[in-house]
Protein backbone atom coordinates (compact mmCIF):
# COMPACT_ATOMS: atom_id res chain seq x y z
CA UNK A 1 44.94 24.80 46.04
CA UNK A 2 47.42 25.26 48.89
CA UNK A 3 50.06 22.86 50.03
CA UNK A 4 53.33 22.65 51.84
CA UNK A 5 56.22 22.53 49.43
CA UNK A 6 56.84 19.02 48.20
CA UNK A 7 54.21 16.97 50.00
CA UNK A 8 51.04 17.08 52.03
CA UNK A 9 52.43 15.91 55.36
CA UNK A 10 56.16 16.50 54.97
CA UNK A 11 57.70 19.94 54.69
CA UNK A 12 60.06 19.42 51.77
CA UNK A 13 63.52 20.34 52.89
CA UNK A 14 62.03 22.32 55.71
CA UNK A 15 61.74 20.19 58.85
CA UNK A 16 64.19 22.05 61.01
CA UNK A 17 65.28 25.60 60.45
CA UNK A 18 68.18 27.83 59.55
CA UNK A 19 68.94 31.14 61.13
CA UNK A 20 70.16 34.22 59.36
CA UNK A 21 73.31 35.67 60.85
CA UNK A 22 73.14 39.39 60.15
CA UNK A 23 76.16 40.51 58.16
CA UNK A 24 75.99 43.97 59.67
CA UNK A 25 77.03 44.63 63.24
CA UNK A 26 74.30 45.61 65.70
CA UNK A 27 75.71 49.15 65.83
CA UNK A 28 75.54 49.44 62.04
CA UNK A 29 71.98 48.14 62.02
CA UNK A 30 70.92 50.57 64.72
CA UNK A 31 72.38 53.51 62.78
CA UNK A 32 70.93 52.47 59.45
CA UNK A 33 67.42 51.45 60.52
CA UNK A 34 64.59 53.77 59.48
CA UNK A 35 64.19 56.67 61.90
CA UNK A 36 61.95 56.00 64.93
CA UNK A 37 61.71 52.28 64.14
CA UNK A 38 62.29 51.25 67.77
CA UNK A 39 59.47 53.33 69.17
CA UNK A 40 56.74 52.71 66.61
CA UNK A 41 53.66 51.02 68.00
CA UNK A 42 52.90 47.48 66.87
CA UNK A 43 49.40 47.25 68.25
CA UNK A 44 47.67 49.98 66.27
CA UNK A 45 46.88 52.05 69.36
CA UNK A 46 47.13 55.80 69.67
CA UNK A 47 50.72 55.49 70.90
CA UNK A 48 52.02 55.42 67.35
CA UNK A 49 51.57 54.12 63.82
CA UNK A 50 51.74 50.44 62.98
CA UNK A 51 55.32 49.33 62.31
CA UNK A 52 55.80 49.38 58.56
CA UNK A 53 56.92 46.29 56.58
CA UNK A 54 59.87 48.33 55.27
CA UNK A 55 61.40 48.17 58.76
CA UNK A 56 61.33 44.37 58.77
CA UNK A 57 62.62 44.25 55.19
CA UNK A 58 65.57 46.34 56.31
CA UNK A 59 66.16 44.21 59.41
CA UNK A 60 66.35 41.07 57.30
CA UNK A 61 68.09 42.21 54.15
CA UNK A 62 69.76 45.53 55.02
CA UNK A 63 67.93 47.27 52.19
CA UNK A 64 66.02 50.50 52.68
CA UNK A 65 62.91 50.43 50.53
CA UNK A 66 59.19 51.13 50.41
CA UNK A 67 56.65 48.76 51.92
CA UNK A 68 56.11 46.99 48.59
CA UNK A 69 58.04 44.08 47.06
CA UNK A 70 61.79 44.62 46.79
CA UNK A 71 64.57 42.85 44.93
CA UNK A 72 66.99 41.48 47.52
CA UNK A 73 69.26 39.83 44.94
CA UNK A 74 69.20 40.04 41.14
CA UNK A 75 67.08 36.87 41.14
CA UNK A 76 65.03 37.12 44.34
CA UNK A 77 62.09 39.28 45.34
CA UNK A 78 60.84 39.72 48.92
CA UNK A 79 57.57 41.12 50.23
CA UNK A 80 55.31 41.13 53.27
CA UNK A 81 53.28 37.96 53.91
CA UNK A 82 51.52 38.85 57.16
CA UNK A 83 52.28 40.35 60.56
CA UNK A 84 50.89 39.51 63.98
CA UNK A 85 51.16 40.71 67.57
CA UNK A 86 50.74 38.08 70.29
CA UNK A 87 51.54 37.25 73.91
CA UNK A 88 54.62 35.08 74.40
CA UNK A 89 54.22 34.09 78.02
CA UNK A 90 54.66 37.31 79.98
CA UNK A 91 56.24 39.08 76.98
CA UNK A 92 54.58 41.01 74.21
CA UNK A 93 55.84 39.86 70.81
CA UNK A 94 55.33 40.80 67.19
CA UNK A 95 56.39 38.94 64.06
CA UNK A 96 56.59 40.07 60.47
CA UNK A 97 56.60 37.16 58.02
CA UNK A 98 58.03 37.72 54.55
CA UNK A 99 57.95 35.67 51.37
CA UNK A 100 60.95 35.36 49.04
CA UNK A 101 60.45 34.26 45.43
CA UNK A 102 62.96 33.25 42.80
CA UNK A 103 62.21 35.40 39.75
CA UNK A 104 63.50 35.74 36.19
CA UNK A 105 65.00 38.84 34.58
CA UNK A 106 61.49 40.25 34.06
CA UNK A 107 60.54 39.85 37.73
CA UNK A 108 58.19 36.92 37.06
CA UNK A 109 58.11 34.08 39.60
CA UNK A 110 59.97 31.15 38.05
CA UNK A 111 58.23 28.19 39.69
CA UNK A 112 54.45 28.57 39.41
CA UNK A 113 53.78 24.84 39.48
CA UNK A 114 51.72 22.89 41.99
CA UNK A 115 54.86 22.44 44.09
CA UNK A 116 56.09 26.01 43.61
CA UNK A 117 56.20 27.51 47.10
CA UNK A 118 57.96 30.68 48.24
CA UNK A 119 60.52 30.71 51.01
CA UNK A 120 59.24 32.10 54.31
CA UNK A 121 61.40 34.40 56.43
CA UNK A 122 60.63 36.42 59.54
CA UNK A 123 61.74 39.19 61.84
CA UNK A 124 60.51 38.80 65.41
CA UNK A 125 60.30 41.65 67.91
CA UNK A 126 59.72 41.84 71.65
CA UNK A 127 58.83 44.80 73.77
CA UNK A 128 61.75 45.78 76.01
CA UNK A 129 61.51 48.84 78.28
CA UNK A 130 58.69 50.20 76.15
CA UNK A 131 60.55 49.75 72.85
CA UNK A 132 60.12 47.12 70.17
CA UNK A 133 63.46 45.49 69.46
CA UNK A 134 64.29 42.66 67.02
CA UNK A 135 65.18 39.42 68.80
CA UNK A 136 65.56 37.11 65.80
CA UNK A 137 66.07 37.47 62.07
CA UNK A 138 65.50 34.43 59.83
CA UNK A 139 65.77 34.51 56.07
CA UNK A 140 64.72 30.89 55.59
CA UNK A 141 62.35 29.07 57.93
CA UNK A 142 60.48 26.85 55.49
CA UNK A 143 58.56 26.93 52.20
CA UNK A 144 54.76 27.10 52.21
CA UNK A 145 52.34 27.47 49.32
CA UNK A 146 51.62 26.37 45.76
CA UNK A 147 51.44 27.81 42.26
CA UNK A 148 54.12 30.32 43.21
CA UNK A 149 52.12 31.85 46.07
CA UNK A 150 51.89 31.54 49.85
CA UNK A 151 48.42 30.94 51.35
CA UNK A 152 46.35 34.01 52.13
CA UNK A 153 46.81 34.45 55.89
CA UNK A 154 45.44 37.36 57.90
CA UNK A 155 46.10 36.08 61.43
CA UNK A 156 47.28 32.68 62.66
CA UNK A 157 45.85 30.75 65.61
CA UNK A 158 48.02 30.97 68.74
CA UNK A 159 48.72 27.87 70.82
CA UNK A 160 50.77 27.53 74.00
CA UNK A 161 52.96 24.40 74.00
CA UNK A 162 54.21 24.25 77.57
CA UNK A 163 56.38 27.34 77.93
CA UNK A 164 56.66 27.93 74.16
CA UNK A 165 54.26 29.87 71.95
CA UNK A 166 53.28 28.41 68.58
CA UNK A 167 51.44 29.84 65.60
CA UNK A 168 49.20 27.55 63.55
CA UNK A 169 49.27 28.46 59.86
CA UNK A 170 46.65 26.93 57.61
CA UNK A 171 47.86 24.97 54.60
CA UNK A 172 46.59 21.99 52.66
CA UNK A 173 46.18 20.32 49.30
CA UNK A 174 43.68 18.86 46.86
CA UNK A 175 44.14 16.16 44.26
CA UNK A 176 42.43 13.18 42.61
CA UNK A 177 39.16 13.96 44.37
CA UNK A 178 40.63 14.21 47.86
CA UNK A 179 40.94 17.37 49.96
CA UNK A 180 43.14 17.78 53.02
CA UNK A 181 43.70 20.87 55.14
CA UNK A 182 45.64 21.39 58.33
CA UNK A 183 48.00 23.60 60.25
CA UNK A 184 51.74 24.17 60.00
CA UNK A 185 52.98 24.36 63.60
CA UNK A 186 55.59 27.12 64.04
CA UNK A 187 57.13 27.33 67.50
CA UNK A 188 58.93 30.43 68.77
CA UNK A 189 62.00 28.99 70.46
CA UNK A 190 64.85 30.98 71.97
CA UNK A 191 66.76 31.24 68.68
CA UNK A 192 63.71 31.90 66.48
CA UNK A 193 60.90 30.08 64.70
CA UNK A 194 61.09 26.32 64.28
CA UNK A 195 58.79 24.19 62.12
CA UNK A 196 57.30 21.35 64.19
CA UNK A 197 55.40 19.75 61.34
CA UNK A 198 51.96 19.79 59.77
CA UNK A 199 48.79 18.51 61.46
CA UNK A 200 45.72 17.59 59.43
CA UNK A 201 42.47 19.08 60.75
CA UNK A 202 39.98 18.39 57.94
CA UNK A 203 39.62 16.11 54.93
CA UNK A 204 37.09 14.66 52.51
CA UNK A 205 36.91 12.50 49.39
CA UNK A 206 33.94 14.19 47.74
CA UNK A 207 35.56 14.16 44.32
CA UNK A 208 36.37 10.44 44.37
CA UNK A 209 33.40 8.74 46.06
CA UNK A 210 29.89 7.45 45.49
CA UNK A 211 26.95 7.84 47.83
CA UNK A 212 23.42 6.55 48.33
CA UNK A 213 22.05 4.23 45.65
CA UNK A 214 25.20 4.67 43.56
CA UNK A 215 27.19 3.04 46.36
CA UNK A 216 24.90 -0.01 46.22
CA UNK A 217 25.40 -0.32 42.47
CA UNK A 218 29.18 -0.07 42.82
CA UNK A 219 30.16 -1.64 46.16
CA UNK A 220 33.89 -1.46 45.44
CA UNK A 221 33.85 2.33 45.08
CA UNK A 222 34.86 4.46 48.08
CA UNK A 223 32.03 5.73 50.26
CA UNK A 224 31.75 9.49 50.73
CA UNK A 225 33.24 10.69 53.97
CA UNK A 226 34.25 14.05 55.40
CA UNK A 227 35.41 15.41 58.72
CA UNK A 228 36.67 18.61 60.27
CA UNK A 229 38.28 19.36 63.59
CA UNK A 230 40.38 21.65 65.72
CA UNK A 231 43.63 21.29 67.65
CA UNK A 232 43.90 21.28 71.44
CA UNK A 233 46.94 20.61 73.61
CA UNK A 234 47.18 17.16 75.18
CA UNK A 235 49.45 15.62 77.80
CA UNK A 236 53.18 16.20 78.15
CA UNK A 237 54.89 12.82 77.79
CA UNK A 238 58.04 12.12 79.83
CA UNK A 239 61.20 13.03 77.97
CA UNK A 240 59.40 14.87 75.17
CA UNK A 241 60.10 18.53 74.47
CA UNK A 242 56.54 19.25 73.40
CA UNK A 243 53.11 17.93 74.51
CA UNK A 244 50.75 15.83 72.43
CA UNK A 245 48.31 17.58 70.13
CA UNK A 246 44.74 16.29 69.96
CA UNK A 247 42.62 16.88 66.88
CA UNK A 248 38.99 16.78 68.02
CA UNK A 249 37.09 15.74 64.88
CA UNK A 250 33.44 15.59 63.87
CA UNK A 251 32.22 13.78 60.76
CA UNK A 252 32.92 10.36 59.30
CA UNK A 253 35.72 8.24 57.89
CA UNK A 254 35.72 4.89 56.09
CA UNK A 255 37.14 1.99 58.09
CA UNK A 256 38.98 -1.10 56.82
CA UNK A 257 35.66 -2.95 56.49
CA UNK A 258 34.32 -0.41 53.99
CA UNK A 259 31.95 1.16 56.54
CA UNK A 260 31.40 4.76 57.53
CA UNK A 261 32.28 5.34 61.17
CA UNK A 262 32.56 8.47 63.34
CA UNK A 263 35.86 10.26 62.81
CA UNK A 264 36.54 10.73 66.51
CA UNK A 265 39.62 12.34 68.02
CA UNK A 266 43.22 11.54 67.11
CA UNK A 267 46.37 12.23 69.11
CA UNK A 268 49.48 13.51 67.35
CA UNK A 269 52.71 12.87 69.23
CA UNK A 270 55.92 14.85 69.05
CA UNK A 271 58.67 12.39 68.12
CA UNK A 272 61.64 14.53 69.10
CA UNK A 273 61.83 16.33 65.76
CA UNK A 274 58.28 16.97 64.64
CA UNK A 275 54.62 16.11 65.14
CA UNK A 276 53.86 13.06 63.09
CA UNK A 277 53.05 9.95 65.14
CA UNK A 278 49.30 9.31 65.22
CA UNK A 279 47.47 7.41 67.95
């Protein structure tokens, strides 16, 4: 089971973002960074080896370590979540996402409950004059996950929201017979990554419904429905920073008259702070 910390639709304590102001000066960082970090390739081509997670760990925490998990405070452990290279308009960009867990004196994650989600941080690079340079460092963007773990992400979908690039990170939840999955929308703004909310893309009630002849015998029970969909960019409304998102859905839902009807498409509007208003 995967969910955003605290709730299915709301990012608990995470709508918005906080930037990490590096305590070291840029000169000190440049001198202390692992050797050749600026010129390492991020695309896996023959021009050089893939940039190692240890470089991003140093950029964010000022600690030189191996590529594995490291203790960044006596009670916090950080490690690589996933990394991705993508086009940001005309720029080439690369991001290394890290997870930070609160741990006990034995290094065991403290909160392994349904709502126990690690903190997500990131170091973002852009290619400048043939070199990869960090353009933002964020220790705390949001919290994503459950049972003390972040979802298993290899690569995120990339979406262009006007002149801003967004990554869509899959996350969802399951409970009381209902399943819901969707995408956390992370936008790369000038200062760094900003959480724009969570958009549902699939759901079903298979664990809480009746179907066929059973539905006839128990007319008050929920009918079985399920749908799935994908996100496309809609229109840019006047005065809004970001365009609408349209979830094009196939499948069925149950209407107010206790009938199964086609799921159809829904439009998610940006309300000035996050995506959340449904048409």
